[in-house]
Protein backbone atom coordinates (compact mmCIF):
# COMPACT_ATOMS: atom_id res chain seq x y z
CA MET A 1 302.79 -2.22 85.45
CA LYS A 2 304.49 -0.59 88.42
CA ARG A 3 307.29 -1.86 90.58
CA CYS A 4 309.33 -0.06 93.21
CA PHE A 5 313.01 -0.79 93.65
CA LEU A 6 316.22 0.72 94.98
CA VAL A 7 318.83 1.54 92.38
CA TRP A 8 321.56 -0.27 94.25
CA CYS A 9 319.69 -3.54 94.08
CA VAL A 10 320.50 -6.21 91.55
CA LEU A 11 319.15 -5.25 88.12
CA ILE A 12 317.51 -7.85 85.97
CA SER A 13 319.04 -8.35 82.53
CA VAL A 14 316.54 -8.12 79.71
CA ASN A 15 316.69 -8.20 75.94
CA VAL A 16 316.47 -4.74 74.40
CA PHE A 17 316.10 -3.41 70.93
CA ALA A 18 319.37 -2.61 69.21
CA GLN A 19 320.42 1.06 69.25
CA ASN A 20 317.57 1.92 71.56
CA ARG A 21 319.17 5.06 72.93
CA SER A 22 315.82 6.51 74.05
CA ASN A 23 314.94 3.36 75.98
CA VAL A 24 314.88 4.87 79.51
CA TRP A 25 313.00 8.05 80.54
CA GLU A 26 313.82 9.80 83.80
CA LEU A 27 310.81 11.76 85.06
CA SER A 28 309.38 13.63 88.11
CA TYR A 29 310.78 16.34 90.30
CA SER A 30 311.31 15.00 93.84
CA THR A 31 314.43 16.37 95.58
CA ASN A 32 313.79 14.29 98.68
CA PHE A 33 315.57 10.92 98.66
CA ASN A 34 312.77 9.49 100.80
CA ASN A 35 310.29 10.16 98.01
CA PRO A 36 310.68 8.31 94.71
CA ASN A 37 310.83 9.73 91.22
CA SER A 38 309.37 8.15 88.10
CA GLU A 39 311.11 6.19 85.35
CA ILE A 40 309.80 4.55 82.21
CA GLN A 41 311.61 1.67 80.51
CA PHE A 42 310.68 0.42 77.05
CA THR A 43 312.85 -2.71 77.14
CA ASN A 44 309.94 -5.08 76.48
CA GLY A 45 308.30 -2.90 73.83
CA ILE A 46 305.84 -1.38 76.29
CA ALA A 47 305.96 1.54 78.69
CA ASP A 48 307.00 -0.08 81.99
CA THR A 49 306.79 2.46 84.83
CA ASN A 50 309.07 2.29 87.85
CA ALA A 51 309.49 4.21 91.06
CA ILE A 52 313.15 5.16 91.24
CA PHE A 53 315.12 6.65 94.14
CA ARG A 54 317.21 9.21 92.31
CA ILE A 55 318.69 12.45 93.65
CA MET A 56 317.86 14.60 90.63
CA ALA A 57 314.66 16.49 90.00
CA MET A 58 313.39 16.87 86.45
CA SER A 59 311.36 20.08 86.47
CA ILE A 60 311.13 20.95 82.75
CA THR A 61 314.59 20.50 81.14
CA ASN A 62 315.01 16.77 80.66
CA ALA A 63 317.47 14.83 78.50
CA SER A 64 318.98 11.35 78.71
CA ILE A 65 320.65 8.74 76.56
CA CYS A 66 321.19 4.99 76.70
CA ASP A 67 324.00 2.88 75.23
CA SER A 68 323.37 0.82 72.14
CA ASN A 69 322.02 -1.99 74.34
CA GLY A 70 319.35 0.27 75.84
CA SER A 71 320.91 0.77 79.27
CA LEU A 72 320.82 4.26 80.77
CA ILE A 73 324.26 5.98 80.78
CA LEU A 74 323.63 9.74 81.04
CA TYR A 75 320.78 12.08 82.02
CA THR A 76 320.46 15.74 83.01
CA ASN A 77 318.07 18.40 84.24
CA GLY A 78 320.31 21.19 82.89
CA ILE A 79 321.97 21.75 86.28
CA VAL A 80 323.65 18.41 87.04
CA ILE A 81 324.44 15.32 84.95
CA GLY A 82 323.86 11.78 86.27
CA ASN A 83 325.75 8.62 85.27
CA ARG A 84 324.75 4.99 84.84
CA ASN A 85 324.88 4.44 88.63
CA TYR A 86 322.42 7.25 89.35
CA ASP A 87 325.32 9.23 90.78
CA THR A 88 326.79 12.58 89.72
CA LEU A 89 328.96 12.42 86.60
CA GLU A 90 332.60 13.12 87.35
CA ASN A 91 333.70 16.72 86.60
CA ALA A 92 330.04 17.72 86.01
CA VAL A 93 329.83 20.14 88.95
CA ASN A 94 329.00 23.63 87.63
CA PHE A 95 329.03 22.33 84.07
CA ASN A 96 326.34 24.87 83.15
CA GLU A 97 327.03 27.97 85.18
CA GLY A 98 324.56 30.82 84.92
CA GLU A 99 321.92 32.88 86.67
CA GLN A 100 319.01 30.58 85.89
CA THR A 101 321.07 27.51 86.79
CA THR A 102 321.65 28.95 90.25
CA ASP A 103 318.08 30.19 90.68
CA ASN A 104 316.55 26.79 89.78
CA ASP A 105 318.93 24.56 91.72
CA PRO A 106 318.10 21.82 92.79
CA ASP A 107 314.79 21.54 90.93
CA GLY A 108 316.25 21.69 87.41
CA LEU A 109 316.08 24.28 84.63
CA VAL A 110 312.62 25.27 83.46
CA ALA A 111 313.49 25.45 79.74
CA CYS A 112 311.61 23.19 77.32
CA GLN A 113 314.27 21.19 75.43
CA GLY A 114 317.01 22.94 77.38
CA ALA A 115 319.49 20.10 76.81
CA ILE A 116 320.17 17.20 74.46
CA PHE A 117 322.70 14.32 74.35
CA ILE A 118 324.38 13.36 71.06
CA PRO A 119 326.77 10.40 70.61
CA ALA A 120 330.05 11.50 69.02
CA PRO A 121 330.18 10.32 65.36
CA GLN A 122 332.35 7.25 64.79
CA SER A 123 333.02 6.82 68.51
CA VAL A 124 331.84 4.22 71.00
CA LYS A 125 332.88 6.10 74.15
CA ASP A 126 332.43 9.84 73.54
CA TYR A 127 329.23 11.85 73.92
CA TYR A 128 328.27 15.50 73.69
CA VAL A 129 325.69 17.34 75.73
CA PHE A 130 324.37 20.64 74.34
CA TYR A 131 322.49 23.02 76.63
CA ILE A 132 321.46 26.56 77.55
CA THR A 133 320.96 28.54 80.72
CA GLY A 134 319.41 31.98 81.10
CA LYS A 135 319.94 35.49 82.40
CA THR A 136 317.51 38.27 83.27
CA PHE A 137 318.08 41.67 81.64
CA VAL A 138 316.20 44.79 80.56
CA ALA A 139 315.19 45.08 76.89
CA ASN A 140 312.55 47.29 75.32
CA ASN A 141 311.78 48.74 78.79
CA GLN A 142 310.86 45.34 80.22
CA LEU A 143 312.54 42.43 81.95
CA GLU A 144 313.53 39.49 79.73
CA THR A 145 315.01 36.16 80.78
CA GLN A 146 316.74 34.44 77.86
CA PRO A 147 319.74 32.26 77.07
CA LEU A 148 322.76 34.29 75.99
CA HIS A 149 324.69 31.36 74.56
CA LEU A 150 324.48 27.74 73.42
CA SER A 151 327.11 25.61 75.14
CA TYR A 152 328.40 22.05 75.07
CA SER A 153 330.52 19.67 77.09
CA LYS A 154 332.19 16.46 75.86
CA ILE A 155 331.96 13.29 77.92
CA ASP A 156 334.32 10.29 77.77
CA LEU A 157 332.54 7.19 79.08
CA SER A 158 335.79 5.29 79.47
CA LEU A 159 336.80 7.51 82.38
CA ASP A 160 335.90 6.92 86.08
CA ASN A 161 335.86 3.14 85.68
CA GLY A 162 333.38 3.26 82.82
CA ASN A 163 330.96 5.68 84.47
CA GLY A 164 332.19 8.60 82.37
CA ALA A 165 333.45 12.10 83.00
CA ILE A 166 333.43 15.50 81.32
CA LEU A 167 336.79 16.07 79.66
CA ASP A 168 338.99 18.80 81.03
CA GLY A 169 339.21 21.63 78.55
CA LEU A 170 335.95 20.59 76.86
CA LYS A 171 333.56 21.71 79.60
CA ASN A 172 330.95 24.43 79.04
CA ILE A 173 332.30 25.60 75.71
CA HIS A 174 330.21 28.37 74.11
CA LEU A 175 329.22 27.67 70.47
CA VAL A 176 327.41 30.93 69.87
CA ASP A 177 326.99 34.04 72.03
CA ASP A 178 323.64 35.64 71.21
CA THR A 179 320.15 35.96 72.66
CA LEU A 180 318.45 32.63 71.93
CA ASN A 181 315.02 31.09 72.31
CA TRP A 182 314.29 29.65 75.76
CA GLY A 183 315.28 26.05 74.97
CA ARG A 184 314.03 24.21 71.85
CA ILE A 185 317.40 22.56 71.18
CA SER A 186 316.88 19.96 68.47
CA ALA A 187 319.12 17.70 66.37
CA CYS A 188 318.97 15.63 63.20
CA LYS A 189 321.39 13.19 61.57
CA HIS A 190 323.24 14.46 58.52
CA ALA A 191 322.40 12.63 55.28
CA ASN A 192 325.58 10.57 55.66
CA GLY A 193 323.98 8.87 58.67
CA SER A 194 326.94 9.70 60.93
CA ASP A 195 327.30 13.43 61.53
CA TRP A 196 324.70 15.58 63.29
CA TRP A 197 323.01 18.92 62.72
CA ILE A 198 322.33 20.85 65.97
CA ILE A 199 319.65 23.54 65.67
CA VAL A 200 318.69 26.50 67.86
CA HIS A 201 316.77 29.70 67.14
CA ARG A 202 317.64 33.32 67.82
CA TYR A 203 315.14 35.14 70.04
CA TYR A 204 312.87 37.84 68.65
CA SER A 205 313.96 36.97 65.13
CA ASP A 206 313.42 34.58 62.26
CA ILE A 207 317.02 33.31 62.33
CA PHE A 208 318.11 29.74 62.91
CA TYR A 209 321.63 28.93 64.15
CA LYS A 210 322.92 25.56 62.85
CA PHE A 211 326.00 23.53 63.78
CA LEU A 212 327.45 20.43 62.20
CA LEU A 213 328.98 17.85 64.55
CA THR A 214 331.54 15.64 62.78
CA PRO A 215 334.13 13.18 64.16
CA ASP A 216 336.74 15.98 64.22
CA GLN A 217 334.94 19.13 65.26
CA ILE A 218 331.78 21.20 65.57
CA SER A 219 331.50 23.68 62.69
CA GLY A 220 329.25 26.73 62.59
CA PRO A 221 327.26 28.66 63.44
CA TYR A 222 325.55 28.73 60.04
CA GLN A 223 322.66 31.22 59.94
CA GLN A 224 319.42 30.98 57.98
CA GLN A 225 316.59 33.52 57.98
CA ILE A 226 313.28 31.76 57.44
CA GLY A 227 309.89 31.26 59.09
CA SER A 228 308.18 33.40 61.70
CA VAL A 229 309.66 35.92 64.16
CA VAL A 230 309.53 34.31 67.61
CA THR A 231 308.43 36.91 70.17
CA LYS A 232 307.09 34.63 72.91
CA ASP A 233 308.95 31.53 74.04
CA ILE A 234 308.36 30.78 77.71
CA VAL A 235 307.02 27.43 76.51
CA GLY A 236 307.15 25.73 73.14
CA GLN A 237 308.83 22.89 71.33
CA ALA A 238 310.76 22.12 68.16
CA THR A 239 311.13 18.72 66.54
CA PHE A 240 312.25 16.90 63.37
CA SER A 241 310.22 14.17 61.73
CA PRO A 242 311.74 10.72 62.26
CA ASP A 243 312.96 10.63 58.63
CA GLY A 244 314.61 14.03 59.04
CA SER A 245 312.77 15.64 56.12
CA LYS A 246 310.46 17.90 58.11
CA TYR A 247 310.74 20.31 61.03
CA ALA A 248 308.10 21.89 63.24
CA MET A 249 308.29 24.56 65.95
CA VAL A 250 305.46 25.92 68.08
CA SER A 251 305.27 28.95 70.41
CA PRO A 252 302.79 30.45 72.88
CA SER A 253 301.97 33.03 70.23
CA ASN A 254 299.79 30.27 68.71
CA ILE A 255 302.11 30.00 65.73
CA LEU A 256 303.22 26.73 64.11
CA ASP A 257 306.28 26.90 61.89
CA TYR A 258 306.39 23.94 59.49
CA LEU A 259 309.43 23.59 57.21
CA GLN A 260 311.12 21.12 54.95
CA PHE A 261 314.73 20.18 55.79
CA ASP A 262 317.66 19.15 53.61
CA ARG A 263 319.83 16.78 55.63
CA CYS A 264 322.74 17.28 53.20
CA THR A 265 323.01 21.04 53.40
CA GLY A 266 321.25 21.70 56.67
CA GLU A 267 318.98 24.16 54.88
CA PHE A 268 315.31 24.74 55.64
CA TYR A 269 312.91 25.49 52.79
CA GLU A 270 309.20 25.74 51.90
CA ALA A 271 308.29 27.34 55.20
CA GLN A 272 304.63 27.50 56.22
CA ILE A 273 303.43 29.71 59.08
CA ILE A 274 300.21 28.20 60.42
CA ILE A 275 297.80 29.41 63.12
CA PRO A 276 295.69 26.52 64.44
CA PRO A 277 292.01 27.33 64.98
CA ASP A 278 290.34 27.88 68.36
CA SER A 279 293.56 27.93 70.35
CA THR A 280 293.69 30.61 73.04
CA SER A 281 296.07 29.08 75.61
CA GLY A 282 299.23 29.11 73.45
CA LEU A 283 300.91 26.22 71.66
CA GLY A 284 303.30 24.20 73.82
CA GLY A 285 304.01 20.87 72.14
CA CYS A 286 304.52 19.14 68.78
CA SER A 287 305.61 15.76 67.43
CA PHE A 288 305.60 13.62 64.30
CA SER A 289 304.27 10.10 63.91
CA ALA A 290 306.77 7.28 63.38
CA ASN A 291 305.95 7.21 59.65
CA SER A 292 306.72 10.96 59.45
CA ARG A 293 303.36 11.67 57.88
CA PHE A 294 301.27 13.13 60.70
CA LEU A 295 302.18 16.22 62.73
CA TYR A 296 300.60 16.61 66.15
CA VAL A 297 300.39 20.05 67.79
CA SER A 298 298.94 20.92 71.16
CA ALA A 299 297.86 23.89 73.21
CA LEU A 300 297.22 23.39 76.92
CA ASP A 301 293.65 22.24 76.24
CA ILE A 302 293.59 21.07 72.59
CA VAL A 303 295.45 18.52 70.46
CA TYR A 304 295.52 18.86 66.63
CA GLN A 305 296.56 16.53 63.84
CA TYR A 306 297.96 17.72 60.50
CA ASP A 307 298.37 15.41 57.55
CA THR A 308 301.62 16.49 55.84
CA TRP A 309 300.66 14.50 52.76
CA ASN A 310 297.72 16.85 52.23
CA ALA A 311 298.74 19.71 49.91
CA ASP A 312 296.45 22.02 51.89
CA MET A 313 297.34 20.67 55.31
CA ALA A 314 296.91 24.04 57.07
CA ASN A 315 293.20 24.16 56.18
CA ASN A 316 292.50 20.50 56.83
CA VAL A 317 293.51 20.27 60.44
CA ILE A 318 291.74 17.72 62.64
CA LYS A 319 291.06 18.40 66.31
CA ILE A 320 291.65 15.00 67.96
CA ALA A 321 291.18 16.02 71.57
CA THR A 322 290.12 18.75 73.98
CA TRP A 323 290.70 18.78 77.72
CA ASP A 324 288.00 16.64 79.32
CA GLY A 325 288.01 18.41 82.67
CA PHE A 326 290.05 15.68 84.38
CA THR A 327 291.96 16.76 87.49
CA GLU A 328 294.16 15.17 90.13
CA PHE A 329 293.88 16.65 93.63
CA GLY A 330 292.23 19.67 92.01
CA THR A 331 295.01 20.15 89.42
CA SER A 332 294.11 19.99 85.73
CA VAL A 333 295.83 17.30 83.63
CA LEU A 334 296.62 19.32 80.50
CA PHE A 335 298.78 18.95 77.38
CA PHE A 336 302.42 20.06 77.08
CA ASN A 337 305.60 18.79 75.35
CA HIS A 338 305.47 15.63 73.21
CA GLN A 339 307.86 12.75 72.64
CA LEU A 340 307.67 9.83 70.18
CA ALA A 341 308.67 6.70 72.12
CA PRO A 342 310.37 3.41 71.13
CA ASP A 343 306.91 1.77 71.10
CA ASN A 344 305.89 4.25 68.34
CA LYS A 345 303.35 5.92 70.62
CA ILE A 346 303.46 9.64 71.38
CA TYR A 347 303.52 10.64 75.06
CA ILE A 348 302.44 14.14 76.07
CA GLY A 349 303.47 15.65 79.36
CA PRO A 350 300.82 17.26 81.61
CA PHE A 351 302.70 20.51 82.45
CA THR A 352 300.89 20.84 85.78
CA GLY A 353 302.76 18.44 88.08
CA VAL A 354 300.44 15.43 88.14
CA SER A 355 301.05 11.69 87.94
CA TYR A 356 299.69 11.10 84.40
CA LEU A 357 300.88 11.20 80.82
CA ASN A 358 298.56 11.56 77.84
CA VAL A 359 299.11 9.02 75.06
CA ILE A 360 298.48 8.87 71.30
CA ASN A 361 298.37 5.11 70.81
CA SER A 362 298.27 4.90 67.00
CA PRO A 363 299.83 8.13 65.71
CA ASP A 364 300.37 6.69 62.21
CA SER A 365 296.58 6.72 61.68
CA LEU A 366 294.46 9.52 60.28
CA GLY A 367 292.01 11.46 62.40
CA LEU A 368 290.38 9.98 65.47
CA SER A 369 291.77 6.57 64.52
CA CYS A 370 295.03 7.76 66.06
CA ASP A 371 293.42 6.80 69.40
CA PHE A 372 294.24 9.64 71.71
CA ALA A 373 293.98 8.46 75.32
CA PRO A 374 294.14 11.32 77.86
CA HIS A 375 295.78 10.73 81.29
CA SER A 376 296.04 6.99 80.44
CA LEU A 377 299.58 6.28 81.63
CA VAL A 378 299.85 6.48 85.41
CA LEU A 379 303.24 7.40 86.91
CA PRO A 380 304.45 6.62 90.43
CA TYR A 381 305.09 10.28 91.22
CA PHE A 382 304.11 13.79 90.08
CA ASN A 383 305.65 14.94 86.83
CA ASN A 384 305.64 17.90 84.40
CA ASN A 385 307.29 16.91 81.16
CA VAL A 386 308.90 14.31 78.87
CA PRO A 387 312.56 13.94 77.79
CA ASN A 388 314.11 15.55 74.70
CA PHE A 389 315.35 12.90 72.23
CA PRO A 390 316.38 13.15 68.58
CA ASN A 391 316.04 10.14 66.31
CA TYR A 392 319.28 8.36 67.15
CA ASP A 393 318.51 5.53 64.67
CA LEU A 394 318.21 7.63 61.52
CA GLY A 395 320.54 6.27 58.84
CA PRO A 396 322.05 7.71 55.67
CA LEU A 397 319.73 9.19 53.03
CA GLU A 398 320.26 6.66 50.26
CA GLY A 399 320.81 8.17 46.86
CA SER A 400 321.42 11.69 48.08
CA PRO A 401 324.44 13.65 46.83
CA CYS A 402 326.09 13.30 50.26
CA ASP A 403 324.98 9.95 51.61
CA THR A 404 328.66 9.05 51.91
CA LEU A 405 330.16 12.53 51.54
CA PHE A 406 331.96 12.52 54.82
CA ASN A 407 333.15 8.97 54.92
CA SER A 408 336.56 9.40 56.50
CA THR A 409 337.97 6.06 55.27
CA PRO A 410 340.35 6.63 52.36
CA ILE A 411 339.59 4.49 49.30
CA VAL A 412 343.14 4.57 47.94
CA SER A 413 345.12 1.34 47.72
CA ALA A 414 348.86 1.10 48.31
CA ASP A 415 349.78 0.95 44.62
CA GLU A 416 347.64 3.98 43.65
CA GLY A 417 349.86 6.55 45.34
CA ASN A 418 349.81 8.38 48.64
CA PHE A 419 348.01 11.65 49.35
CA ARG A 420 348.02 13.98 52.32
CA LEU A 421 346.44 17.39 53.00
CA VAL A 422 348.05 19.97 55.32
CA PRO A 423 347.05 21.96 57.20
CA ASN A 424 343.67 20.56 57.95
CA PRO A 425 341.75 22.62 59.10
CA ALA A 426 342.97 25.17 56.56
CA LYS A 427 342.52 28.94 56.43
CA GLU A 428 344.08 30.24 53.22
CA TRP A 429 346.11 27.58 51.46
CA LEU A 430 345.74 23.81 51.33
CA ASN A 431 348.95 21.91 50.59
CA ILE A 432 348.37 18.63 48.74
CA ILE A 433 351.33 16.31 49.28
CA TYR A 434 351.32 13.25 47.05
CA ASN A 435 353.30 10.52 45.36
CA THR A 436 351.81 9.07 42.20
CA GLN A 437 353.13 7.60 38.97
CA GLU A 438 350.42 9.15 36.83
CA ASP A 439 348.65 12.49 36.50
CA CYS A 440 345.58 12.86 38.73
CA LEU A 441 343.01 15.49 39.55
CA LEU A 442 341.86 16.72 42.98
CA ASN A 443 338.31 18.12 43.16
CA LEU A 444 336.93 19.90 46.22
CA TYR A 445 333.20 19.60 46.93
CA ASP A 446 331.05 21.55 49.37
CA ILE A 447 328.49 20.04 51.73
CA ASN A 448 325.92 20.14 48.98
CA GLY A 449 328.05 17.98 46.67
CA LYS A 450 328.87 20.95 44.42
CA GLN A 451 332.42 21.17 43.04
CA VAL A 452 333.99 24.44 44.29
CA ALA A 453 337.66 24.04 43.34
CA SER A 454 340.10 21.72 41.56
CA VAL A 455 343.82 21.32 40.95
CA SER A 456 345.83 19.03 38.68
CA LEU A 457 348.28 16.69 40.41
CA PHE A 458 351.05 16.11 37.88
CA HIS A 459 353.07 13.01 38.52
CA TYR A 460 356.40 14.86 38.29
CA PHE A 461 355.50 17.11 41.26
CA LYS A 462 355.31 16.10 44.91
CA ASN A 463 352.93 18.77 46.10
CA ARG A 464 350.48 21.38 44.85
CA LEU A 465 348.81 24.37 46.61
CA LEU A 466 345.10 25.10 46.50
CA ASN A 467 343.81 28.54 47.52
CA VAL A 468 340.79 28.18 49.85
CA SER A 469 340.82 31.71 51.22
CA GLU A 470 337.65 32.69 49.29
CA LEU A 471 335.64 29.65 50.38
CA PRO A 472 333.06 30.00 53.20
CA PRO A 473 334.03 28.29 56.46
CA GLY A 474 332.73 24.75 56.65
CA VAL A 475 333.29 21.10 55.84
CA TYR A 476 334.36 20.01 52.34
CA LEU A 477 335.33 16.78 50.60
CA ALA A 478 338.62 16.50 48.70
CA ALA A 479 338.51 13.66 46.15
CA VAL A 480 341.36 12.49 43.91
CA SER A 481 340.66 10.81 40.59
CA CYS A 482 343.21 9.06 38.36
CA LYS A 483 342.27 8.02 34.83
CA GLY A 484 338.68 9.03 35.60
CA GLU A 485 338.39 6.75 38.64
CA ARG A 486 338.21 8.06 42.19
CA VAL A 487 341.05 6.60 44.21
CA TRP A 488 341.12 8.66 47.40
CA SER A 489 339.05 11.08 49.46
CA GLU A 490 339.35 12.99 52.69
CA LYS A 491 337.30 15.52 54.63
CA VAL A 492 338.65 19.10 54.70
CA VAL A 493 337.67 21.82 57.14
CA VAL A 494 337.99 25.48 56.17
CA GLN A 495 338.20 27.87 59.10
CA ARG A 496 338.54 31.61 59.58
């Protein structure tokens, strides 16, 4: 269903699914206010397409987020950020300065997954946006255009009368300065169901950079060397399975990296490097089904399905679609980046600037039963791509060593003594200040739930010192037990 409306008109209130932060998709690349752009809303459980008069073009980089009621609050093309009123977010001018930002203004960055929005853990008003831009330089006797840093800005939605603003002093902060892949920013909830892992990849290497977003800070980068060496990245995509246990990344070198992921530690393991058959146009998109079983991978003209439950999945790939020759005004409607939607269908962008999306209607089904429908969703205006969303609804991993590891609520009662840790963050020494009538024990655990240090808290002292100078930087849990029963805990950050 299509309907055309002006954004300043009265909006109709509808019931939405709780926590549906990927409810609204901003699409299309018109920079002329007289020509509409496309929007999809999933408020009624179906893809409802609208023509929207919005002054922001979505070329390739595309990210947005809704509030917990499913109403759009933020969106970006990597150059400018929009607010809930389809206006420019306050203090967002030049939020992502760089050569490629300037060169691609006003059309938007051309980086696949060049930005992503993450709600701040344990906050109802704060949000983070992570993003890249690029710079052209000479390397190996040839011109390269790559990101030289991953950056973030923090947004407070309580500012500007509830429309939000980027906080002064927390605008365009570099998290890592290195040559990175062109986009492919992905994120996954920590096993505690609150914190977030943010993942990027170093260019021309097999190194991942990982960051942990907690209520207090962003820690990292943590490096891990695993998988293939990425040497081509002008297009491509990276994604986590909805349950957070699997990760896939594709590149135009026709390489699929498939890895297992530990949400507690942030570690990848059991990497497989897979080359799909018959692909000559380069891999550009990937996605997982809602049940996290099936992995879909596409080149420009082919879509594959892998069954991750099959022990030999690499050699049992199913080709579910090839380009059928369909064109619009002489332009081929091909296959590009993927996105799993709130209706549990997978939508695949066309790459070529046409008014169609390809759809996998039943992605939880094996083989051709997945019901791939090429160019079946018609948009009001031409479009290249789909937004970049993580699974905002992923909860804690029940029964894992760290499903409640970073719960910041102390479990001590008033008559069990008082405990305080200073400084926090700590660099060399952690001072434990306490008042208890009995001897207790403080244990320090790493992010994997492993005990890394301990100190006795004798009742006749008021403080003890714990040396943390030999511990790697990161987030830890300090837990106090008295008479064998845990009575208090607090998160500790070790910095260098």
